[in-house]
PDB file of N, CA and C in Angstrom:
ATOM      1  N   MET A   1      64.382-115.733 -18.993  1.00  0.00           N
ATOM      2  CA  MET A   1      63.390-115.112 -18.119  1.00  0.00           C
ATOM      3  C   MET A   1      63.297-113.631 -18.459  1.00  0.00           C
ATOM      4  N   THR A   2      62.103-113.158 -18.684  1.00  0.00           N
ATOM      5  CA  THR A   2      61.937-111.742 -19.005  1.00  0.00           C
ATOM      6  C   THR A   2      61.731-110.934 -17.738  1.00  0.00           C
ATOM      7  N   MET A   3      62.336-109.784 -17.699  1.00  0.00           N
ATOM      8  CA  MET A   3      62.192-108.917 -16.543  1.00  0.00           C
ATOM      9  C   MET A   3      61.598-107.594 -16.989  1.00  0.00           C
ATOM     10  N   THR A   4      60.436-107.657 -17.626  1.00  0.00           N
ATOM     11  CA  THR A   4      59.773-106.449 -18.090  1.00  0.00           C
ATOM     12  C   THR A   4      58.446-106.294 -17.375  1.00  0.00           C
ATOM     13  N   MET A   5      58.025-105.054 -17.226  1.00  0.00           N
ATOM     14  CA  MET A   5      56.745-104.765 -16.601  1.00  0.00           C
ATOM     15  C   MET A   5      55.665-104.973 -17.652  1.00  0.00           C
ATOM     16  N   THR A   6      54.836-105.971 -17.467  1.00  0.00           N
ATOM     17  CA  THR A   6      53.773-106.253 -18.428  1.00  0.00           C
ATOM     18  C   THR A   6      52.598-105.314 -18.191  1.00  0.00           C
ATOM     19  N   GLU A   7      51.738-105.204 -19.175  1.00  0.00           N
ATOM     20  CA  GLU A   7      50.540-104.381 -19.020  1.00  0.00           C
ATOM     21  C   GLU A   7      49.672-104.907 -17.884  1.00  0.00           C
ATOM     22  N   GLN A   8      49.619-106.226 -17.728  1.00  0.00           N
ATOM     23  CA  GLN A   8      48.821-106.835 -16.663  1.00  0.00           C
ATOM     24  C   GLN A   8      49.363-106.426 -15.294  1.00  0.00           C
ATOM     25  N   THR A   9      50.688-106.420 -15.151  1.00  0.00           N
ATOM     26  CA  THR A   9      51.297-106.040 -13.881  1.00  0.00           C
ATOM     27  C   THR A   9      51.068-104.565 -13.605  1.00  0.00           C
ATOM     28  N   ALA A  10      51.244-103.737 -14.624  1.00  0.00           N
ATOM     29  CA  ALA A  10      50.989-102.307 -14.461  1.00  0.00           C
ATOM     30  C   ALA A  10      49.536-102.083 -14.052  1.00  0.00           C
ATOM     31  N   ALA A  11      48.619-102.872 -14.609  1.00  0.00           N
ATOM     32  CA  ALA A  11      47.202-102.754 -14.267  1.00  0.00           C
ATOM     33  C   ALA A  11      46.953-103.128 -12.808  1.00  0.00           C
ATOM     34  N   ALA A  12      47.776-104.030 -12.253  1.00  0.00           N
ATOM     35  CA  ALA A  12      47.616-104.436 -10.859  1.00  0.00           C
ATOM     36  C   ALA A  12      47.864-103.266  -9.912  1.00  0.00           C
ATOM     37  N   LEU A  13      48.604-102.270 -10.363  1.00  0.00           N
ATOM     38  CA  LEU A  13      48.855-101.096  -9.537  1.00  0.00           C
ATOM     39  C   LEU A  13      47.624-100.209  -9.427  1.00  0.00           C
ATOM     40  N   GLY A  14      46.662-100.400 -10.308  1.00  0.00           N
ATOM     41  CA  GLY A  14      45.440 -99.606 -10.277  1.00  0.00           C
ATOM     42  C   GLY A  14      45.617 -98.272 -10.980  1.00  0.00           C
ATOM     43  N   ASP A  15      44.567 -97.474 -10.958  1.00  0.00           N
ATOM     44  CA  ASP A  15      44.589 -96.179 -11.638  1.00  0.00           C
ATOM     45  C   ASP A  15      45.444 -95.151 -10.911  1.00  0.00           C
ATOM     46  N   ALA A  16      45.589 -95.294  -9.604  1.00  0.00           N
ATOM     47  CA  ALA A  16      46.281 -94.277  -8.820  1.00  0.00           C
ATOM     48  C   ALA A  16      47.800 -94.431  -8.824  1.00  0.00           C
ATOM     49  N   LEU A  17      48.310 -95.586  -9.240  1.00  0.00           N
ATOM     50  CA  LEU A  17      49.754 -95.822  -9.232  1.00  0.00           C
ATOM     51  C   LEU A  17      50.235 -96.202 -10.618  1.00  0.00           C
ATOM     52  N   ARG A  18      51.487 -95.843 -10.946  1.00  0.00           N
ATOM     53  CA  ARG A  18      52.045 -96.235 -12.244  1.00  0.00           C
ATOM     54  C   ARG A  18      53.529 -96.544 -12.099  1.00  0.00           C
ATOM     55  N   PRO A  19      54.026 -97.493 -12.899  1.00  0.00           N
ATOM     56  CA  PRO A  19      55.451 -97.832 -12.868  1.00  0.00           C
ATOM     57  C   PRO A  19      56.244 -96.915 -13.791  1.00  0.00           C
ATOM     58  N   VAL A  20      57.443 -96.543 -13.341  1.00  0.00           N
ATOM     59  CA  VAL A  20      58.371 -95.753 -14.146  1.00  0.00           C
ATOM     60  C   VAL A  20      59.680 -96.534 -14.190  1.00  0.00           C
ATOM     61  N   ALA A  21      60.119 -96.895 -15.387  1.00  0.00           N
ATOM     62  CA  ALA A  21      61.353 -97.682 -15.515  1.00  0.00           C
ATOM     63  C   ALA A  21      62.547 -96.871 -15.029  1.00  0.00           C
ATOM     64  N   VAL A  22      63.362 -97.501 -14.171  1.00  0.00           N
ATOM     65  CA  VAL A  22      64.604 -96.900 -13.693  1.00  0.00           C
ATOM     66  C   VAL A  22      65.766 -97.493 -14.481  1.00  0.00           C
ATOM     67  N   ARG A  23      65.746 -98.799 -14.589  1.00  0.00           N
ATOM     68  CA  ARG A  23      66.724 -99.557 -15.372  1.00  0.00           C
ATOM     69  C   ARG A  23      66.111-100.924 -15.619  1.00  0.00           C
ATOM     70  N   ARG A  24      66.820-101.753 -16.351  1.00  0.00           N
ATOM     71  CA  ARG A  24      66.305-103.099 -16.609  1.00  0.00           C
ATOM     72  C   ARG A  24      66.084-103.821 -15.274  1.00  0.00           C
ATOM     73  N   GLY A  25      64.869-104.270 -15.050  1.00  0.00           N
ATOM     74  CA  GLY A  25      64.555-105.022 -13.843  1.00  0.00           C
ATOM     75  C   GLY A  25      64.217-104.180 -12.625  1.00  0.00           C
ATOM     76  N   LEU A  26      64.112-102.846 -12.771  1.00  0.00           N
ATOM     77  CA  LEU A  26      63.777-101.991 -11.628  1.00  0.00           C
ATOM     78  C   LEU A  26      62.801-100.908 -12.070  1.00  0.00           C
ATOM     79  N   TRP A  27      61.697-100.784 -11.310  1.00  0.00           N
ATOM     80  CA  TRP A  27      60.688 -99.776 -11.591  1.00  0.00           C
ATOM     81  C   TRP A  27      60.385 -98.986 -10.335  1.00  0.00           C
ATOM     82  N   ARG A  28      60.255 -97.695 -10.486  1.00  0.00           N
ATOM     83  CA  ARG A  28      59.800 -96.818  -9.414  1.00  0.00           C
ATOM     84  C   ARG A  28      58.282 -96.755  -9.556  1.00  0.00           C
ATOM     85  N   VAL A  29      57.579 -96.857  -8.461  1.00  0.00           N
ATOM     86  CA  VAL A  29      56.122 -96.781  -8.480  1.00  0.00           C
ATOM     87  C   VAL A  29      55.734 -95.425  -7.904  1.00  0.00           C
ATOM     88  N   VAL A  30      54.991 -94.642  -8.692  1.00  0.00           N
ATOM     89  CA  VAL A  30      54.602 -93.300  -8.272  1.00  0.00           C
ATOM     90  C   VAL A  30      53.083 -93.182  -8.239  1.00  0.00           C
ATOM     91  N   ASP A  31      52.602 -92.254  -7.399  1.00  0.00           N
ATOM     92  CA  ASP A  31      51.159 -92.022  -7.336  1.00  0.00           C
ATOM     93  C   ASP A  31      50.765 -90.947  -8.349  1.00  0.00           C
ATOM     94  N   ALA A  32      49.496 -90.605  -8.371  1.00  0.00           N
ATOM     95  CA  ALA A  32      48.980 -89.655  -9.364  1.00  0.00           C
ATOM     96  C   ALA A  32      49.619 -88.275  -9.229  1.00  0.00           C
ATOM     97  N   ALA A  33      50.074 -87.927  -8.024  1.00  0.00           N
ATOM     98  CA  ALA A  33      50.716 -86.629  -7.796  1.00  0.00           C
ATOM     99  C   ALA A  33      52.209 -86.663  -8.111  1.00  0.00           C
ATOM    100  N   GLY A  34      52.723 -87.845  -8.479  1.00  0.00           N
ATOM    101  CA  GLY A  34      54.142 -87.974  -8.800  1.00  0.00           C
ATOM    102  C   GLY A  34      55.017 -88.337  -7.614  1.00  0.00           C
ATOM    103  N   ARG A  35      54.408 -88.578  -6.447  1.00  0.00           N
ATOM    104  CA  ARG A  35      55.182 -88.977  -5.263  1.00  0.00           C
ATOM    105  C   ARG A  35      55.577 -90.442  -5.383  1.00  0.00           C
ATOM    106  N   ILE A  36      56.794 -90.743  -4.980  1.00  0.00           N
ATOM    107  CA  ILE A  36      57.287 -92.121  -5.036  1.00  0.00           C
ATOM    108  C   ILE A  36      56.645 -92.929  -3.918  1.00  0.00           C
ATOM    109  N   VAL A  37      56.032 -94.045  -4.299  1.00  0.00           N
ATOM    110  CA  VAL A  37      55.387 -94.945  -3.347  1.00  0.00           C
ATOM    111  C   VAL A  37      56.345 -96.057  -2.946  1.00  0.00           C
ATOM    112  N   GLY A  38      57.113 -96.538  -3.901  1.00  0.00           N
ATOM    113  CA  GLY A  38      58.048 -97.629  -3.640  1.00  0.00           C
ATOM    114  C   GLY A  38      58.731 -98.056  -4.919  1.00  0.00           C
ATOM    115  N   HIS A  39      59.355 -99.217  -4.861  1.00  0.00           N
ATOM    116  CA  HIS A  39      60.053 -99.773  -6.020  1.00  0.00           C
ATOM    117  C   HIS A  39      59.682-101.238  -6.192  1.00  0.00           C
ATOM    118  N   LEU A  40      59.680-101.685  -7.438  1.00  0.00           N
ATOM    119  CA  LEU A  40      59.562-103.103  -7.769  1.00  0.00           C
ATOM    120  C   LEU A  40      60.853-103.497  -8.457  1.00  0.00           C
ATOM    121  N   GLU A  41      61.456-104.585  -7.999  1.00  0.00           N
ATOM    122  CA  GLU A  41      62.701-105.060  -8.599  1.00  0.00           C
ATOM    123  C   GLU A  41      62.570-106.528  -8.967  1.00  0.00           C
ATOM    124  N   ALA A  42      63.051-106.874 -10.144  1.00  0.00           N
ATOM    125  CA  ALA A  42      63.102-108.272 -10.580  1.00  0.00           C
ATOM    126  C   ALA A  42      64.528-108.753 -10.382  1.00  0.00           C
ATOM    127  N   ARG A  43      64.669-109.921  -9.751  1.00  0.00           N
ATOM    128  CA  ARG A  43      66.001-110.457  -9.478  1.00  0.00           C
ATOM    129  C   ARG A  43      66.010-111.954  -9.761  1.00  0.00           C
ATOM    130  N   ASP A  44      66.965-112.390 -10.557  1.00  0.00           N
ATOM    131  CA  ASP A  44      67.140-113.819 -10.827  1.00  0.00           C
ATOM    132  C   ASP A  44      67.979-114.440  -9.724  1.00  0.00           C
ATOM    133  N   ASP A  45      67.564-115.605  -9.259  1.00  0.00           N
ATOM    134  CA  ASP A  45      68.389-116.383  -8.337  1.00  0.00           C
ATOM    135  C   ASP A  45      68.311-117.848  -8.751  1.00  0.00           C
ATOM    136  N   GLU A  46      68.856-118.732  -7.948  1.00  0.00           N
ATOM    137  CA  GLU A  46      68.918-120.147  -8.328  1.00  0.00           C
ATOM    138  C   GLU A  46      67.547-120.809  -8.432  1.00  0.00           C
ATOM    139  N   THR A  47      66.522-120.198  -7.827  1.00  0.00           N
ATOM    140  CA  THR A  47      65.180-120.778  -7.877  1.00  0.00           C
ATOM    141  C   THR A  47      64.297-120.144  -8.945  1.00  0.00           C
ATOM    142  N   GLY A  48      64.801-119.150  -9.638  1.00  0.00           N
ATOM    143  CA  GLY A  48      64.025-118.469 -10.680  1.00  0.00           C
ATOM    144  C   GLY A  48      64.002-116.975 -10.459  1.00  0.00           C
ATOM    145  N   CYS A  49      63.071-116.329 -11.101  1.00  0.00           N
ATOM    146  CA  CYS A  49      62.958-114.872 -10.996  1.00  0.00           C
ATOM    147  C   CYS A  49      62.056-114.510  -9.821  1.00  0.00           C
ATOM    148  N   ARG A  50      62.542-113.641  -8.956  1.00  0.00           N
ATOM    149  CA  ARG A  50      61.775-113.148  -7.810  1.00  0.00           C
ATOM    150  C   ARG A  50      61.517-111.664  -8.014  1.00  0.00           C
ATOM    151  N   PHE A  51      60.388-111.195  -7.526  1.00  0.00           N
ATOM    152  CA  PHE A  51      60.035-109.782  -7.616  1.00  0.00           C
ATOM    153  C   PHE A  51      59.942-109.222  -6.204  1.00  0.00           C
ATOM    154  N   ILE A  52      60.692-108.165  -5.955  1.00  0.00           N
ATOM    155  CA  ILE A  52      60.792-107.580  -4.624  1.00  0.00           C
ATOM    156  C   ILE A  52      60.049-106.248  -4.600  1.00  0.00           C
ATOM    157  N   ALA A  53      59.169-106.090  -3.614  1.00  0.00           N
ATOM    158  CA  ALA A  53      58.458-104.827  -3.403  1.00  0.00           C
ATOM    159  C   ALA A  53      59.142-104.104  -2.255  1.00  0.00           C
ATOM    160  N   ARG A  54      59.493-102.850  -2.489  1.00  0.00           N
ATOM    161  CA  ARG A  54      60.138-102.036  -1.456  1.00  0.00           C
ATOM    162  C   ARG A  54      59.369-100.736  -1.292  1.00  0.00           C
ATOM    163  N   ARG A  55      59.278-100.288  -0.052  1.00  0.00           N
ATOM    164  CA  ARG A  55      58.586 -99.037   0.263  1.00  0.00           C
ATOM    165  C   ARG A  55      59.546 -98.128   1.025  1.00  0.00           C
ATOM    166  N   PHE A  56      59.426 -96.819   0.773  1.00  0.00           N
ATOM    167  CA  PHE A  56      60.261 -95.839   1.459  1.00  0.00           C
ATOM    168  C   PHE A  56      59.811 -95.708   2.905  1.00  0.00           C
ATOM    169  N   HIS A  57      60.781 -95.711   3.825  1.00  0.00           N
ATOM    170  CA  HIS A  57      60.521 -95.541   5.251  1.00  0.00           C
ATOM    171  C   HIS A  57      61.106 -94.192   5.653  1.00  0.00           C
ATOM    172  N   ALA A  58      60.231 -93.217   5.907  1.00  0.00           N
ATOM    173  CA  ALA A  58      60.671 -91.839   6.132  1.00  0.00           C
ATOM    174  C   ALA A  58      61.594 -91.697   7.342  1.00  0.00           C
ATOM    175  N   ALA A  59      61.304 -92.398   8.427  1.00  0.00           N
ATOM    176  CA  ALA A  59      62.108 -92.249   9.640  1.00  0.00           C
ATOM    177  C   ALA A  59      63.561 -92.666   9.433  1.00  0.00           C
ATOM    178  N   SER A  60      63.784 -93.696   8.637  1.00  0.00           N
ATOM    179  CA  SER A  60      65.155 -94.161   8.401  1.00  0.00           C
ATOM    180  C   SER A  60      65.747 -93.572   7.125  1.00  0.00           C
ATOM    181  N   GLY A  61      64.879 -93.020   6.265  1.00  0.00           N
ATOM    182  CA  GLY A  61      65.351 -92.459   5.002  1.00  0.00           C
ATOM    183  C   GLY A  61      65.800 -93.519   4.011  1.00  0.00           C
ATOM    184  N   ARG A  62      65.296 -94.740   4.170  1.00  0.00           N
ATOM    185  CA  ARG A  62      65.703 -95.863   3.312  1.00  0.00           C
ATOM    186  C   ARG A  62      64.491 -96.613   2.778  1.00  0.00           C
ATOM    187  N   LEU A  63      64.760 -97.398   1.738  1.00  0.00           N
ATOM    188  CA  LEU A  63      63.744 -98.314   1.233  1.00  0.00           C
ATOM    189  C   LEU A  63      63.799 -99.595   2.047  1.00  0.00           C
ATOM    190  N   ARG A  64      62.640-100.085   2.439  1.00  0.00           N
ATOM    191  CA  ARG A  64      62.554-101.351   3.171  1.00  0.00           C
ATOM    192  C   ARG A  64      61.811-102.371   2.326  1.00  0.00           C
ATOM    193  N   THR A  65      62.312-103.585   2.331  1.00  0.00           N
ATOM    194  CA  THR A  65      61.639-104.663   1.613  1.00  0.00           C
ATOM    195  C   THR A  65      60.361-105.022   2.354  1.00  0.00           C
ATOM    196  N   ILE A  66      59.247-105.025   1.618  1.00  0.00           N
ATOM    197  CA  ILE A  66      57.980-105.408   2.252  1.00  0.00           C
ATOM    198  C   ILE A  66      57.500-106.765   1.769  1.00  0.00           C
ATOM    199  N   GLY A  67      58.200-107.334   0.795  1.00  0.00           N
ATOM    200  CA  GLY A  67      57.857-108.678   0.349  1.00  0.00           C
ATOM    201  C   GLY A  67      58.622-109.105  -0.883  1.00  0.00           C
ATOM    202  N   GLU A  68      58.802-110.429  -1.016  1.00  0.00           N
ATOM    203  CA  GLU A  68      59.398-111.035  -2.207  1.00  0.00           C
ATOM    204  C   GLU A  68      58.379-112.010  -2.769  1.00  0.00           C
ATOM    205  N   PHE A  69      58.188-111.952  -4.087  1.00  0.00           N
ATOM    206  CA  PHE A  69      57.102-112.686  -4.718  1.00  0.00           C
ATOM    207  C   PHE A  69      57.578-113.416  -5.962  1.00  0.00           C
ATOM    208  N   TRP A  70      56.821-114.427  -6.375  1.00  0.00           N
ATOM    209  CA  TRP A  70      57.140-115.182  -7.586  1.00  0.00           C
ATOM    210  C   TRP A  70      56.629-114.490  -8.833  1.00  0.00           C
ATOM    211  N   SER A  71      55.711-113.539  -8.690  1.00  0.00           N
ATOM    212  CA  SER A  71      55.207-112.837  -9.872  1.00  0.00           C
ATOM    213  C   SER A  71      55.249-111.328  -9.641  1.00  0.00           C
ATOM    214  N   ALA A  72      55.436-110.602 -10.734  1.00  0.00           N
ATOM    215  CA  ALA A  72      55.432-109.140 -10.664  1.00  0.00           C
ATOM    216  C   ALA A  72      54.057-108.639 -10.241  1.00  0.00           C
ATOM    217  N   ARG A  73      53.019-109.349 -10.651  1.00  0.00           N
ATOM    218  CA  ARG A  73      51.656-108.948 -10.290  1.00  0.00           C
ATOM    219  C   ARG A  73      51.465-108.967  -8.768  1.00  0.00           C
ATOM    220  N   GLU A  74      51.943-110.007  -8.105  1.00  0.00           N
ATOM    221  CA  GLU A  74      51.819-110.079  -6.643  1.00  0.00           C
ATOM    222  C   GLU A  74      52.590-108.949  -5.968  1.00  0.00           C
ATOM    223  N   ALA A  75      53.783-108.662  -6.457  1.00  0.00           N
ATOM    224  CA  ALA A  75      54.586-107.580  -5.884  1.00  0.00           C
ATOM    225  C   ALA A  75      53.894-106.235  -6.079  1.00  0.00           C
ATOM    226  N   ALA A  76      53.309-106.033  -7.261  1.00  0.00           N
ATOM    227  CA  ALA A  76      52.590-104.790  -7.543  1.00  0.00           C
ATOM    228  C   ALA A  76      51.384-104.647  -6.621  1.00  0.00           C
ATOM    229  N   GLU A  77      50.653-105.739  -6.420  1.00  0.00           N
ATOM    230  CA  GLU A  77      49.490-105.695  -5.536  1.00  0.00           C
ATOM    231  C   GLU A  77      49.904-105.417  -4.097  1.00  0.00           C
ATOM    232  N   CYS A  78      51.042-105.932  -3.686  1.00  0.00           N
ATOM    233  CA  CYS A  78      51.546-105.659  -2.340  1.00  0.00           C
ATOM    234  C   CYS A  78      51.759-104.156  -2.153  1.00  0.00           C
ATOM    235  N   LEU A  79      52.402-103.511  -3.113  1.00  0.00           N
ATOM    236  CA  LEU A  79      52.597-102.061  -3.025  1.00  0.00           C
ATOM    237  C   LEU A  79      51.259-101.329  -3.048  1.00  0.00           C
ATOM    238  N   ARG A  80      50.393-101.781  -3.900  1.00  0.00           N
ATOM    239  CA  ARG A  80      49.091-101.116  -4.034  1.00  0.00           C
ATOM    240  C   ARG A  80      48.293-101.176  -2.735  1.00  0.00           C
ATOM    241  N   TRP A  81      48.225-102.347  -2.114  1.00  0.00           N
ATOM    242  CA  TRP A  81      47.372-102.533  -0.943  1.00  0.00           C
ATOM    243  C   TRP A  81      48.049-102.209   0.384  1.00  0.00           C
ATOM    244  N   SER A  82      49.353-102.056   0.400  1.00  0.00           N
ATOM    245  CA  SER A  82      50.036-101.765   1.671  1.00  0.00           C
ATOM    246  C   SER A  82      50.153-100.272   1.923  1.00  0.00           C
ATOM    247  N   ARG A  83      49.540 -99.518   1.082  1.00  0.00           N
ATOM    248  CA  ARG A  83      49.634 -98.068   1.163  1.00  0.00           C
ATOM    249  C   ARG A  83      48.867 -97.506   2.322  1.00  0.00           C
TER     250      ARG A  83
END
């Protein structure tokens, strides 16, 4: 199973957002001004590869999971549209 950000997935973020690799299987998503919007993480489990979208929650100072998806594209769209 590959855990790389494909061009198609990066395109799902739209023009205003872009992925920045943090490590294998983890990308920081930033806006055009360089502000962090959230993270996308790829995680293997017994059912296959899952992609987790997380968004920063200012009041708690932590990242909160906003969804787990079967494709990186769905996770990217979740971050894009939940803004």
